[in-house]
N, C-alpha and C. Protein backbone atom coordinates (compact mmCIF):
# COMPACT_ATOMS: atom_id res chain seq x y z
N MET A 1 53.20 113.69 175.15
CA MET A 1 53.33 114.07 173.75
C MET A 1 53.28 112.82 172.89
N TYR A 2 52.40 112.85 171.90
CA TYR A 2 52.20 111.69 171.05
C TYR A 2 53.14 111.73 169.85
N CYS A 3 53.79 110.61 169.57
CA CYS A 3 54.63 110.53 168.38
C CYS A 3 54.61 109.12 167.82
N GLU A 4 54.95 109.00 166.56
CA GLU A 4 55.10 107.72 165.89
C GLU A 4 56.45 107.70 165.20
N ILE A 5 57.10 106.55 165.19
CA ILE A 5 58.43 106.42 164.60
C ILE A 5 58.38 105.38 163.48
N TYR A 6 58.96 105.75 162.35
CA TYR A 6 58.98 104.88 161.18
C TYR A 6 60.41 104.77 160.65
N GLY A 7 60.79 103.58 160.17
CA GLY A 7 62.05 103.40 159.47
C GLY A 7 63.27 103.46 160.36
N GLU A 8 64.42 103.39 159.70
CA GLU A 8 65.71 103.43 160.38
C GLU A 8 66.67 104.31 159.60
N GLY A 9 67.68 104.82 160.30
CA GLY A 9 68.68 105.66 159.66
C GLY A 9 68.82 106.98 160.38
N GLU A 10 69.36 107.98 159.68
CA GLU A 10 69.50 109.32 160.27
C GLU A 10 68.11 109.86 160.57
N PRO A 11 67.91 110.46 161.75
CA PRO A 11 66.56 110.90 162.12
C PRO A 11 66.07 112.13 161.36
N VAL A 12 64.76 112.15 161.15
CA VAL A 12 64.07 113.31 160.57
C VAL A 12 62.83 113.57 161.43
N LEU A 13 62.75 114.74 162.02
CA LEU A 13 61.60 115.15 162.83
C LEU A 13 60.62 115.91 161.96
N LEU A 14 59.33 115.52 161.99
CA LEU A 14 58.30 116.18 161.21
C LEU A 14 57.40 116.99 162.14
N ILE A 15 57.21 118.29 161.82
CA ILE A 15 56.40 119.17 162.66
C ILE A 15 55.29 119.79 161.82
N HIS A 16 54.04 119.52 162.18
CA HIS A 16 52.88 119.96 161.40
C HIS A 16 52.47 121.39 161.71
N GLY A 17 51.45 121.86 160.99
CA GLY A 17 50.96 123.23 161.14
C GLY A 17 49.84 123.36 162.16
N ASN A 18 49.27 124.56 162.23
CA ASN A 18 48.25 124.90 163.23
C ASN A 18 47.03 124.00 163.13
N ALA A 19 46.64 123.43 164.29
CA ALA A 19 45.48 122.55 164.41
C ALA A 19 45.61 121.28 163.58
N GLY A 20 46.85 120.94 163.21
CA GLY A 20 47.08 119.75 162.42
C GLY A 20 47.47 118.55 163.28
N SER A 21 48.08 117.58 162.63
CA SER A 21 48.51 116.37 163.32
C SER A 21 49.49 115.63 162.41
N ILE A 22 49.89 114.45 162.83
CA ILE A 22 50.76 113.61 162.03
C ILE A 22 50.17 113.35 160.64
N GLU A 23 48.84 113.35 160.55
CA GLU A 23 48.17 113.09 159.28
C GLU A 23 48.60 114.06 158.18
N SER A 24 49.07 115.24 158.58
CA SER A 24 49.53 116.23 157.60
C SER A 24 50.68 115.70 156.76
N PHE A 25 51.38 114.70 157.28
CA PHE A 25 52.56 114.17 156.59
C PHE A 25 52.31 112.81 155.96
N SER A 26 51.06 112.54 155.62
CA SER A 26 50.73 111.25 155.01
C SER A 26 51.41 111.06 153.66
N GLN A 27 51.77 112.17 153.00
CA GLN A 27 52.47 112.10 151.71
C GLN A 27 53.99 112.15 151.90
N THR A 28 54.44 112.37 153.11
CA THR A 28 55.86 112.55 153.39
C THR A 28 56.48 111.32 154.03
N ILE A 29 55.78 110.75 155.00
CA ILE A 29 56.32 109.61 155.76
C ILE A 29 56.70 108.43 154.88
N PRO A 30 55.84 107.98 153.94
CA PRO A 30 56.20 106.81 153.14
C PRO A 30 57.48 106.97 152.35
N TYR A 31 57.78 108.19 151.93
CA TYR A 31 59.02 108.44 151.18
C TYR A 31 60.24 108.39 152.10
N PHE A 32 60.19 109.12 153.20
CA PHE A 32 61.38 109.27 154.04
C PHE A 32 61.67 108.05 154.91
N GLU A 33 60.65 107.26 155.22
CA GLU A 33 60.90 106.10 156.08
C GLU A 33 61.76 105.04 155.40
N LYS A 34 61.94 105.14 154.10
CA LYS A 34 62.74 104.16 153.37
C LYS A 34 64.23 104.28 153.68
N LYS A 35 64.68 105.47 154.12
CA LYS A 35 66.11 105.65 154.39
C LYS A 35 66.41 106.44 155.67
N TYR A 36 65.37 106.91 156.34
CA TYR A 36 65.55 107.70 157.56
C TYR A 36 64.73 107.09 158.71
N MET A 37 65.11 107.47 159.93
CA MET A 37 64.22 107.25 161.07
C MET A 37 63.30 108.47 161.15
N VAL A 38 62.05 108.28 160.83
CA VAL A 38 61.09 109.39 160.79
C VAL A 38 60.38 109.50 162.13
N ILE A 39 60.47 110.68 162.74
CA ILE A 39 59.81 110.95 164.02
C ILE A 39 58.66 111.91 163.74
N ALA A 40 57.44 111.38 163.69
CA ALA A 40 56.26 112.19 163.41
C ALA A 40 55.56 112.50 164.73
N VAL A 41 55.29 113.78 164.96
CA VAL A 41 54.83 114.24 166.28
C VAL A 41 53.54 115.03 166.18
N ASP A 42 52.64 114.82 167.13
CA ASP A 42 51.50 115.72 167.33
C ASP A 42 51.94 116.80 168.31
N SER A 43 51.97 118.04 167.86
CA SER A 43 52.44 119.14 168.71
C SER A 43 51.53 119.35 169.91
N ARG A 44 52.06 120.02 170.91
CA ARG A 44 51.33 120.32 172.15
C ARG A 44 49.92 120.85 171.86
N ALA A 45 48.92 120.26 172.52
CA ALA A 45 47.52 120.67 172.44
C ALA A 45 46.87 120.34 171.10
N GLN A 46 47.54 119.56 170.28
CA GLN A 46 47.01 119.24 168.95
C GLN A 46 47.11 117.73 168.69
N GLY A 47 46.20 117.22 167.86
CA GLY A 47 46.19 115.80 167.59
C GLY A 47 45.95 115.01 168.87
N ASN A 48 46.82 114.06 169.15
CA ASN A 48 46.70 113.23 170.34
C ASN A 48 47.56 113.71 171.51
N SER A 49 48.18 114.89 171.37
CA SER A 49 48.98 115.45 172.46
C SER A 49 48.11 116.41 173.28
N ILE A 50 47.81 116.02 174.50
CA ILE A 50 46.88 116.79 175.33
C ILE A 50 47.63 117.80 176.19
N ASP A 51 47.09 119.02 176.25
CA ASP A 51 47.68 120.07 177.07
C ASP A 51 46.55 120.88 177.70
N LYS A 52 46.42 120.84 179.00
CA LYS A 52 45.30 121.50 179.69
C LYS A 52 45.63 122.91 180.16
N SER A 53 46.82 123.40 179.87
CA SER A 53 47.19 124.73 180.34
C SER A 53 46.46 125.82 179.56
N ASP A 54 46.53 127.05 180.06
CA ASP A 54 45.83 128.17 179.43
C ASP A 54 46.62 128.82 178.30
N SER A 55 47.92 128.62 178.29
CA SER A 55 48.76 129.33 177.32
C SER A 55 49.43 128.38 176.34
N LEU A 56 49.81 128.95 175.21
CA LEU A 56 50.50 128.18 174.19
C LEU A 56 51.40 129.13 173.41
N THR A 57 52.67 128.78 173.27
CA THR A 57 53.60 129.60 172.51
C THR A 57 54.44 128.71 171.61
N PHE A 58 55.00 129.31 170.59
CA PHE A 58 55.89 128.57 169.70
C PHE A 58 57.16 128.16 170.43
N GLU A 59 57.60 129.00 171.36
CA GLU A 59 58.79 128.66 172.13
C GLU A 59 58.56 127.42 172.99
N MET A 60 57.37 127.33 173.58
CA MET A 60 57.03 126.14 174.37
C MET A 60 57.09 124.89 173.51
N MET A 61 56.54 124.98 172.30
CA MET A 61 56.53 123.81 171.42
C MET A 61 57.93 123.44 170.97
N ALA A 62 58.75 124.44 170.65
CA ALA A 62 60.13 124.16 170.25
C ALA A 62 60.88 123.44 171.38
N ASP A 63 60.66 123.89 172.60
CA ASP A 63 61.30 123.23 173.75
C ASP A 63 60.76 121.82 173.95
N ASP A 64 59.47 121.61 173.64
CA ASP A 64 58.89 120.27 173.72
C ASP A 64 59.65 119.30 172.82
N PHE A 65 59.95 119.74 171.60
CA PHE A 65 60.64 118.85 170.66
C PHE A 65 62.05 118.54 171.14
N SER A 66 62.68 119.50 171.79
CA SER A 66 64.00 119.27 172.35
C SER A 66 63.95 118.19 173.43
N VAL A 67 62.95 118.29 174.31
CA VAL A 67 62.79 117.30 175.37
C VAL A 67 62.45 115.93 174.78
N LEU A 68 61.62 115.92 173.74
CA LEU A 68 61.28 114.66 173.09
C LEU A 68 62.53 113.97 172.54
N LEU A 69 63.38 114.73 171.88
CA LEU A 69 64.62 114.16 171.34
C LEU A 69 65.47 113.58 172.45
N ASP A 70 65.56 114.30 173.55
CA ASP A 70 66.33 113.79 174.70
C ASP A 70 65.74 112.48 175.21
N SER A 71 64.41 112.42 175.30
CA SER A 71 63.76 111.23 175.84
C SER A 71 63.92 110.03 174.92
N LEU A 72 64.09 110.31 173.62
CA LEU A 72 64.31 109.24 172.65
C LEU A 72 65.80 108.92 172.46
N HIS A 73 66.65 109.64 173.23
CA HIS A 73 68.11 109.46 173.16
C HIS A 73 68.65 109.74 171.75
N ILE A 74 68.06 110.79 171.14
CA ILE A 74 68.52 111.24 169.83
C ILE A 74 69.25 112.56 170.00
N LYS A 75 70.54 112.56 169.70
CA LYS A 75 71.35 113.76 169.94
C LYS A 75 71.05 114.86 168.92
N LYS A 76 70.88 114.47 167.65
CA LYS A 76 70.66 115.45 166.59
C LYS A 76 69.67 114.89 165.58
N THR A 77 68.96 115.78 164.93
CA THR A 77 68.00 115.35 163.92
C THR A 77 67.89 116.37 162.79
N ASN A 78 67.52 115.89 161.62
CA ASN A 78 67.03 116.78 160.57
C ASN A 78 65.60 117.15 160.92
N VAL A 79 65.12 118.25 160.38
CA VAL A 79 63.76 118.71 160.71
C VAL A 79 63.05 119.17 159.44
N ILE A 80 61.80 118.73 159.30
CA ILE A 80 60.90 119.28 158.28
C ILE A 80 59.72 119.90 159.00
N GLY A 81 59.52 121.19 158.80
CA GLY A 81 58.41 121.88 159.43
C GLY A 81 57.55 122.59 158.41
N TRP A 82 56.23 122.46 158.56
CA TRP A 82 55.29 123.11 157.64
C TRP A 82 54.44 124.11 158.40
N SER A 83 54.37 125.35 157.86
CA SER A 83 53.51 126.40 158.43
C SER A 83 53.93 126.69 159.87
N ASP A 84 53.04 126.51 160.86
CA ASP A 84 53.45 126.69 162.25
C ASP A 84 54.61 125.76 162.59
N GLY A 85 54.62 124.59 161.96
CA GLY A 85 55.74 123.67 162.18
C GLY A 85 57.04 124.20 161.61
N GLY A 86 56.95 125.00 160.54
CA GLY A 86 58.14 125.65 160.01
C GLY A 86 58.69 126.69 160.97
N ILE A 87 57.77 127.38 161.65
CA ILE A 87 58.19 128.34 162.69
C ILE A 87 58.89 127.59 163.81
N CYS A 88 58.31 126.48 164.24
CA CYS A 88 58.91 125.68 165.32
C CYS A 88 60.29 125.15 164.91
N ALA A 89 60.43 124.79 163.64
CA ALA A 89 61.73 124.31 163.15
C ALA A 89 62.79 125.40 163.30
N LEU A 90 62.42 126.62 162.93
CA LEU A 90 63.36 127.74 163.08
C LEU A 90 63.71 127.97 164.55
N LEU A 91 62.71 127.94 165.41
CA LEU A 91 62.94 128.19 166.84
C LEU A 91 63.73 127.05 167.49
N LEU A 92 63.53 125.82 167.04
CA LEU A 92 64.33 124.71 167.56
C LEU A 92 65.80 124.94 167.22
N ALA A 93 66.06 125.40 166.00
CA ALA A 93 67.45 125.67 165.58
C ALA A 93 68.04 126.86 166.32
N ILE A 94 67.19 127.82 166.70
CA ILE A 94 67.65 129.00 167.43
C ILE A 94 67.91 128.66 168.90
N ARG A 95 66.96 127.96 169.53
CA ARG A 95 67.01 127.72 170.96
C ARG A 95 67.82 126.47 171.33
N HIS A 96 67.90 125.52 170.42
CA HIS A 96 68.61 124.27 170.71
C HIS A 96 69.48 123.90 169.50
N PRO A 97 70.44 124.74 169.17
CA PRO A 97 71.21 124.59 167.93
C PRO A 97 71.97 123.26 167.81
N ASP A 98 72.39 122.71 168.92
CA ASP A 98 73.17 121.47 168.86
C ASP A 98 72.32 120.25 168.54
N GLN A 99 71.00 120.40 168.50
CA GLN A 99 70.12 119.27 168.23
C GLN A 99 69.63 119.20 166.79
N VAL A 100 70.01 120.18 165.98
CA VAL A 100 69.52 120.23 164.60
C VAL A 100 70.67 120.01 163.62
N ILE A 101 70.52 118.99 162.77
CA ILE A 101 71.52 118.73 161.73
C ILE A 101 71.27 119.68 160.56
N LYS A 102 70.11 119.53 159.93
CA LYS A 102 69.65 120.42 158.87
C LYS A 102 68.15 120.63 159.03
N LEU A 103 67.65 121.74 158.48
CA LEU A 103 66.21 121.97 158.58
C LEU A 103 65.65 122.42 157.25
N ALA A 104 64.43 121.98 156.98
CA ALA A 104 63.65 122.45 155.83
C ALA A 104 62.36 123.04 156.39
N SER A 105 62.16 124.31 156.15
CA SER A 105 61.00 125.02 156.69
C SER A 105 60.17 125.58 155.55
N THR A 106 58.90 125.18 155.46
CA THR A 106 58.04 125.66 154.38
C THR A 106 56.83 126.40 154.94
N GLY A 107 56.55 127.56 154.38
CA GLY A 107 55.38 128.34 154.77
C GLY A 107 55.46 128.94 156.16
N ALA A 108 56.66 129.29 156.61
CA ALA A 108 56.83 129.89 157.95
C ALA A 108 56.76 131.41 157.87
N ASN A 109 56.52 132.04 159.01
CA ASN A 109 56.56 133.49 159.12
C ASN A 109 57.22 133.88 160.43
N LEU A 110 57.70 135.11 160.49
CA LEU A 110 58.45 135.59 161.65
C LEU A 110 57.60 136.38 162.63
N TRP A 111 56.51 136.92 162.15
CA TRP A 111 55.60 137.68 163.02
C TRP A 111 54.17 137.41 162.56
N PRO A 112 53.16 137.86 163.33
CA PRO A 112 51.78 137.50 163.02
C PRO A 112 51.42 137.75 161.56
N ALA A 113 50.82 136.74 160.97
CA ALA A 113 50.57 136.77 159.52
C ALA A 113 49.20 137.34 159.17
N PHE A 114 49.00 138.59 159.47
CA PHE A 114 47.77 139.25 159.02
C PHE A 114 48.14 140.59 158.40
N GLU A 115 47.24 141.12 157.62
CA GLU A 115 47.49 142.40 156.96
C GLU A 115 47.58 143.51 158.01
N PRO A 116 48.33 144.58 157.71
CA PRO A 116 48.42 145.70 158.66
C PRO A 116 47.05 146.23 159.04
N ILE A 117 46.84 146.44 160.32
CA ILE A 117 45.55 146.94 160.80
C ILE A 117 45.77 148.20 161.62
N LYS A 118 44.68 148.94 161.78
CA LYS A 118 44.77 150.18 162.54
C LYS A 118 45.08 149.91 164.00
N SER A 119 45.76 150.85 164.62
CA SER A 119 46.14 150.70 166.02
C SER A 119 44.93 150.48 166.90
N SER A 120 43.81 151.18 166.61
CA SER A 120 42.60 151.05 167.43
C SER A 120 42.04 149.63 167.33
N GLU A 121 42.08 149.06 166.13
CA GLU A 121 41.58 147.70 165.94
C GLU A 121 42.46 146.70 166.67
N TRP A 122 43.76 146.93 166.63
CA TRP A 122 44.71 146.05 167.31
C TRP A 122 44.47 146.05 168.82
N LYS A 123 44.25 147.25 169.37
CA LYS A 123 44.00 147.35 170.82
C LYS A 123 42.69 146.65 171.17
N SER A 124 41.68 146.77 170.28
CA SER A 124 40.41 146.09 170.51
C SER A 124 40.60 144.58 170.52
N MET A 125 41.43 144.06 169.61
CA MET A 125 41.73 142.63 169.56
C MET A 125 42.40 142.17 170.84
N GLN A 126 43.32 142.99 171.33
CA GLN A 126 44.02 142.65 172.57
C GLN A 126 43.06 142.58 173.75
N ARG A 127 42.11 143.55 173.82
CA ARG A 127 41.13 143.55 174.91
C ARG A 127 40.26 142.30 174.84
N GLU A 128 39.82 141.94 173.65
CA GLU A 128 38.98 140.76 173.47
C GLU A 128 39.75 139.49 173.85
N TYR A 129 41.02 139.46 173.50
CA TYR A 129 41.85 138.31 173.85
C TYR A 129 41.94 138.14 175.37
N ARG A 130 42.15 139.26 176.07
CA ARG A 130 42.26 139.19 177.53
C ARG A 130 40.95 138.72 178.17
N LYS A 131 39.81 139.14 177.60
CA LYS A 131 38.52 138.68 178.11
C LYS A 131 38.38 137.16 177.96
N GLN A 132 38.72 136.68 176.78
CA GLN A 132 38.57 135.26 176.50
C GLN A 132 39.55 134.42 177.31
N LEU A 133 40.68 135.03 177.67
CA LEU A 133 41.71 134.30 178.41
C LEU A 133 41.18 133.76 179.73
N HIS A 134 40.29 134.51 180.37
CA HIS A 134 39.76 134.12 181.67
C HIS A 134 38.31 133.61 181.59
N ARG A 135 37.85 133.36 180.39
CA ARG A 135 36.49 132.88 180.19
C ARG A 135 36.37 131.42 180.64
N THR A 136 35.20 131.07 181.15
CA THR A 136 34.90 129.67 181.46
C THR A 136 34.27 129.04 180.23
N TRP A 137 35.00 128.12 179.60
CA TRP A 137 34.53 127.52 178.37
C TRP A 137 33.61 126.34 178.67
N PRO A 138 32.58 126.13 177.84
CA PRO A 138 31.64 125.01 178.06
C PRO A 138 32.34 123.66 178.09
N THR A 139 33.33 123.49 177.21
CA THR A 139 34.05 122.22 177.17
C THR A 139 35.55 122.47 177.05
N ALA A 140 36.32 121.49 177.45
CA ALA A 140 37.78 121.59 177.34
C ALA A 140 38.20 121.68 175.88
N ALA A 141 37.46 121.02 175.00
CA ALA A 141 37.79 121.03 173.58
C ALA A 141 37.64 122.43 172.99
N GLU A 142 36.58 123.16 173.38
CA GLU A 142 36.39 124.53 172.89
C GLU A 142 37.50 125.45 173.37
N LYS A 143 37.88 125.30 174.63
CA LYS A 143 38.97 126.10 175.17
C LYS A 143 40.27 125.82 174.42
N ASN A 144 40.50 124.55 174.14
CA ASN A 144 41.72 124.16 173.43
C ASN A 144 41.73 124.71 172.00
N ASP A 145 40.57 124.65 171.33
CA ASP A 145 40.48 125.18 169.97
C ASP A 145 40.77 126.67 169.94
N TRP A 146 40.24 127.40 170.94
CA TRP A 146 40.49 128.84 171.02
C TRP A 146 41.98 129.11 171.23
N LYS A 147 42.59 128.34 172.10
CA LYS A 147 44.01 128.53 172.41
C LYS A 147 44.88 128.34 171.16
N ILE A 148 44.55 127.34 170.37
CA ILE A 148 45.31 127.07 169.16
C ILE A 148 45.09 128.15 168.11
N ALA A 149 43.83 128.58 167.95
CA ALA A 149 43.51 129.61 166.96
C ALA A 149 44.18 130.93 167.30
N GLU A 150 44.23 131.28 168.58
CA GLU A 150 44.83 132.55 168.99
C GLU A 150 46.34 132.56 168.81
N LEU A 151 46.94 131.39 168.70
CA LEU A 151 48.39 131.31 168.58
C LEU A 151 48.91 132.17 167.42
N ASP A 152 48.23 132.10 166.28
CA ASP A 152 48.71 132.81 165.09
C ASP A 152 48.27 134.27 165.03
N ASP A 153 47.40 134.70 165.96
CA ASP A 153 46.98 136.10 165.97
C ASP A 153 48.02 137.02 166.59
N PHE A 154 48.80 136.50 167.53
CA PHE A 154 49.74 137.33 168.26
C PHE A 154 51.19 136.83 168.17
N GLN A 155 51.38 135.72 167.53
CA GLN A 155 52.70 135.10 167.42
C GLN A 155 52.89 134.63 165.97
N PRO A 156 54.15 134.32 165.61
CA PRO A 156 55.38 134.36 166.40
C PRO A 156 55.95 135.77 166.45
N ASN A 157 57.04 135.90 167.17
CA ASN A 157 57.76 137.17 167.24
C ASN A 157 59.26 136.86 167.21
N ILE A 158 59.74 136.54 166.02
CA ILE A 158 61.14 136.14 165.84
C ILE A 158 61.89 137.29 165.18
N SER A 159 62.97 137.70 165.77
CA SER A 159 63.76 138.81 165.22
C SER A 159 64.71 138.32 164.14
N LEU A 160 65.11 139.23 163.28
CA LEU A 160 66.10 138.89 162.25
C LEU A 160 67.44 138.56 162.90
N ALA A 161 67.72 139.22 164.01
CA ALA A 161 68.97 138.93 164.73
C ALA A 161 69.00 137.49 165.23
N ALA A 162 67.84 136.99 165.67
CA ALA A 162 67.76 135.61 166.13
C ALA A 162 68.01 134.64 164.98
N LEU A 163 67.45 134.96 163.81
CA LEU A 163 67.67 134.11 162.63
C LEU A 163 69.15 133.99 162.30
N ARG A 164 69.87 135.08 162.47
CA ARG A 164 71.30 135.08 162.11
C ARG A 164 72.13 134.17 163.00
N LYS A 165 71.54 133.70 164.10
CA LYS A 165 72.26 132.79 165.01
C LYS A 165 72.12 131.32 164.61
N ILE A 166 71.26 131.05 163.64
CA ILE A 166 71.04 129.66 163.23
C ILE A 166 72.31 129.10 162.59
N LYS A 167 72.75 127.98 163.09
CA LYS A 167 73.97 127.33 162.59
C LYS A 167 73.66 126.24 161.58
N ALA A 168 72.51 125.63 161.68
CA ALA A 168 72.18 124.48 160.84
C ALA A 168 71.95 124.90 159.40
N PRO A 169 72.46 124.13 158.45
CA PRO A 169 72.11 124.38 157.04
C PRO A 169 70.60 124.36 156.88
N SER A 170 70.08 125.36 156.17
CA SER A 170 68.63 125.55 156.13
C SER A 170 68.12 125.69 154.70
N LEU A 171 67.01 125.01 154.42
CA LEU A 171 66.30 125.15 153.15
C LEU A 171 64.97 125.82 153.47
N ILE A 172 64.80 127.05 152.97
CA ILE A 172 63.61 127.84 153.27
C ILE A 172 62.71 127.82 152.04
N ILE A 173 61.44 127.45 152.26
CA ILE A 173 60.54 127.13 151.15
C ILE A 173 59.21 127.88 151.30
N CYS A 174 58.60 128.22 150.17
CA CYS A 174 57.21 128.64 150.14
C CYS A 174 56.69 128.44 148.73
N GLY A 175 55.38 128.44 148.55
CA GLY A 175 54.79 128.40 147.23
C GLY A 175 54.72 129.81 146.65
N ASP A 176 54.70 129.90 145.32
CA ASP A 176 54.63 131.24 144.72
C ASP A 176 53.25 131.86 144.91
N ARG A 177 52.27 131.04 145.37
CA ARG A 177 50.93 131.56 145.71
C ARG A 177 50.62 131.27 147.18
N ASP A 178 51.63 131.22 147.98
CA ASP A 178 51.50 130.91 149.41
C ASP A 178 50.77 132.03 150.14
N VAL A 179 50.13 131.69 151.26
CA VAL A 179 49.51 132.73 152.10
C VAL A 179 50.58 133.59 152.76
N ILE A 180 51.77 133.03 152.91
CA ILE A 180 52.92 133.81 153.38
C ILE A 180 53.54 134.47 152.16
N PRO A 181 53.65 135.80 152.13
CA PRO A 181 54.20 136.47 150.95
C PRO A 181 55.60 135.96 150.61
N VAL A 182 55.86 135.82 149.32
CA VAL A 182 57.18 135.38 148.87
C VAL A 182 58.28 136.28 149.43
N GLU A 183 57.99 137.58 149.48
CA GLU A 183 59.00 138.53 149.99
C GLU A 183 59.38 138.23 151.43
N HIS A 184 58.40 137.76 152.21
CA HIS A 184 58.67 137.43 153.61
C HIS A 184 59.56 136.19 153.71
N THR A 185 59.30 135.21 152.85
CA THR A 185 60.12 134.01 152.84
C THR A 185 61.55 134.33 152.39
N VAL A 186 61.67 135.21 151.41
CA VAL A 186 63.00 135.66 150.97
C VAL A 186 63.74 136.33 152.12
N LEU A 187 63.03 137.15 152.89
CA LEU A 187 63.62 137.82 154.04
C LEU A 187 64.16 136.80 155.04
N ILE A 188 63.40 135.74 155.29
CA ILE A 188 63.87 134.69 156.20
C ILE A 188 65.15 134.08 155.69
N SER A 189 65.16 133.71 154.41
CA SER A 189 66.34 133.03 153.86
C SER A 189 67.58 133.93 153.86
N LYS A 190 67.37 135.21 153.61
CA LYS A 190 68.51 136.13 153.56
C LYS A 190 69.16 136.34 154.92
N ASN A 191 68.40 136.11 155.98
CA ASN A 191 68.94 136.37 157.32
C ASN A 191 69.40 135.12 158.06
N ILE A 192 69.35 133.96 157.39
CA ILE A 192 69.94 132.75 157.94
C ILE A 192 71.24 132.50 157.19
N PRO A 193 72.36 132.42 157.87
CA PRO A 193 73.64 132.25 157.19
C PRO A 193 73.64 131.06 156.22
N ASN A 194 73.96 131.36 154.96
CA ASN A 194 74.12 130.33 153.92
C ASN A 194 72.86 129.51 153.66
N ALA A 195 71.71 130.06 153.94
CA ALA A 195 70.47 129.33 153.70
C ALA A 195 70.19 129.22 152.20
N GLN A 196 69.52 128.14 151.82
CA GLN A 196 69.05 127.97 150.46
C GLN A 196 67.57 128.35 150.39
N LEU A 197 67.14 128.86 149.25
CA LEU A 197 65.77 129.32 149.07
C LEU A 197 65.13 128.56 147.92
N TRP A 198 63.90 128.09 148.13
CA TRP A 198 63.15 127.42 147.06
C TRP A 198 61.73 127.96 147.04
N ILE A 199 61.40 128.68 145.99
CA ILE A 199 60.04 129.14 145.76
C ILE A 199 59.40 128.14 144.79
N VAL A 200 58.41 127.42 145.27
CA VAL A 200 57.81 126.34 144.47
C VAL A 200 56.81 126.92 143.48
N PRO A 201 57.03 126.73 142.18
CA PRO A 201 56.11 127.28 141.18
C PRO A 201 54.73 126.62 141.25
N ASN A 202 53.71 127.41 140.98
CA ASN A 202 52.33 126.91 140.91
C ASN A 202 51.91 126.20 142.19
N SER A 203 52.26 126.77 143.32
CA SER A 203 51.95 126.14 144.60
C SER A 203 51.37 127.13 145.58
N GLY A 204 50.41 126.64 146.36
CA GLY A 204 49.90 127.40 147.49
C GLY A 204 50.70 127.09 148.73
N HIS A 205 50.03 127.13 149.88
CA HIS A 205 50.70 126.95 151.17
C HIS A 205 51.17 125.51 151.40
N ALA A 206 50.43 124.55 150.86
CA ALA A 206 50.73 123.14 151.12
C ALA A 206 51.72 122.57 150.10
N THR A 207 52.91 123.11 150.07
CA THR A 207 53.91 122.69 149.09
C THR A 207 54.20 121.19 149.18
N LEU A 208 54.24 120.66 150.40
CA LEU A 208 54.59 119.25 150.60
C LEU A 208 53.48 118.31 150.16
N ILE A 209 52.28 118.83 149.92
CA ILE A 209 51.16 118.02 149.47
C ILE A 209 50.89 118.26 147.98
N GLU A 210 50.83 119.53 147.61
CA GLU A 210 50.54 119.88 146.22
C GLU A 210 51.62 119.40 145.26
N HIS A 211 52.86 119.36 145.73
CA HIS A 211 53.99 118.94 144.90
C HIS A 211 54.81 117.90 145.66
N ARG A 212 54.14 116.87 146.13
CA ARG A 212 54.75 115.93 147.06
C ARG A 212 56.01 115.27 146.52
N ASP A 213 55.98 114.82 145.26
CA ASP A 213 57.14 114.10 144.73
C ASP A 213 58.36 115.01 144.63
N GLU A 214 58.15 116.19 144.08
CA GLU A 214 59.25 117.15 143.95
C GLU A 214 59.72 117.61 145.32
N PHE A 215 58.78 117.86 146.23
CA PHE A 215 59.13 118.30 147.58
C PHE A 215 59.97 117.24 148.29
N ASN A 216 59.51 116.01 148.29
CA ASN A 216 60.22 114.94 148.99
C ASN A 216 61.64 114.76 148.44
N LYS A 217 61.77 114.76 147.12
CA LYS A 217 63.10 114.57 146.53
C LYS A 217 64.01 115.75 146.81
N LYS A 218 63.49 116.95 146.69
CA LYS A 218 64.29 118.15 146.92
C LYS A 218 64.82 118.20 148.36
N VAL A 219 63.94 117.92 149.32
CA VAL A 219 64.35 117.95 150.73
C VAL A 219 65.30 116.80 151.04
N ASP A 220 65.03 115.63 150.48
CA ASP A 220 65.92 114.48 150.65
C ASP A 220 67.31 114.80 150.12
N ASP A 221 67.39 115.38 148.92
CA ASP A 221 68.69 115.76 148.35
C ASP A 221 69.41 116.75 149.24
N PHE A 222 68.65 117.69 149.80
CA PHE A 222 69.25 118.69 150.70
C PHE A 222 69.82 118.04 151.93
N PHE A 223 69.08 117.10 152.52
CA PHE A 223 69.57 116.40 153.71
C PHE A 223 70.78 115.50 153.38
N SER A 224 70.81 114.95 152.19
CA SER A 224 71.81 113.94 151.84
C SER A 224 73.15 114.52 151.40
N HIS A 225 73.16 115.76 150.93
CA HIS A 225 74.39 116.31 150.37
C HIS A 225 74.85 117.54 151.14
């Protein structure tokens, strides 16, 4: 697993979105490295982190971050997760609660983020997925791209009951024009004990980029107080 570490102080783990990399946080790292130890990671099968297996789940990635923290001898960390990384941030807090100080999750969802479809279409998608699962791909890169793309078609599958087990103080974020409906983000915040909610005005999915200065300060204030 590839990671880069910047700065010193209380740790902050950065988790990017689908098919992304550390580069997603180019507007985030320079701000936080001034007072935190920033741990920027390429998630499994993405960026410079190579994974040759056939399967990929959000739970696997959340467990990866737990192992990474152990290997770096970091007992607890703050977490900033964007999109798929926001999902991983929630799952890290659910599955490894003692390793999360506070978390900021932006643009996350609890179940597959597509519009409701007919049952027949869903079954057809499942059949096609099973066919591709055993397909011989021309290159390892094509197989890997398919694996990453399919991640969001059938996952995540996080229950509201699981959210209620989160102990870490949480800041749940989305843009008012996010691809994740505002109502869904509100649902997430309502089911995490004492969570704070921030709907960023005039913002799409990339809240941390479109409103970088406000985002960085808001999350920093949340971590600091």
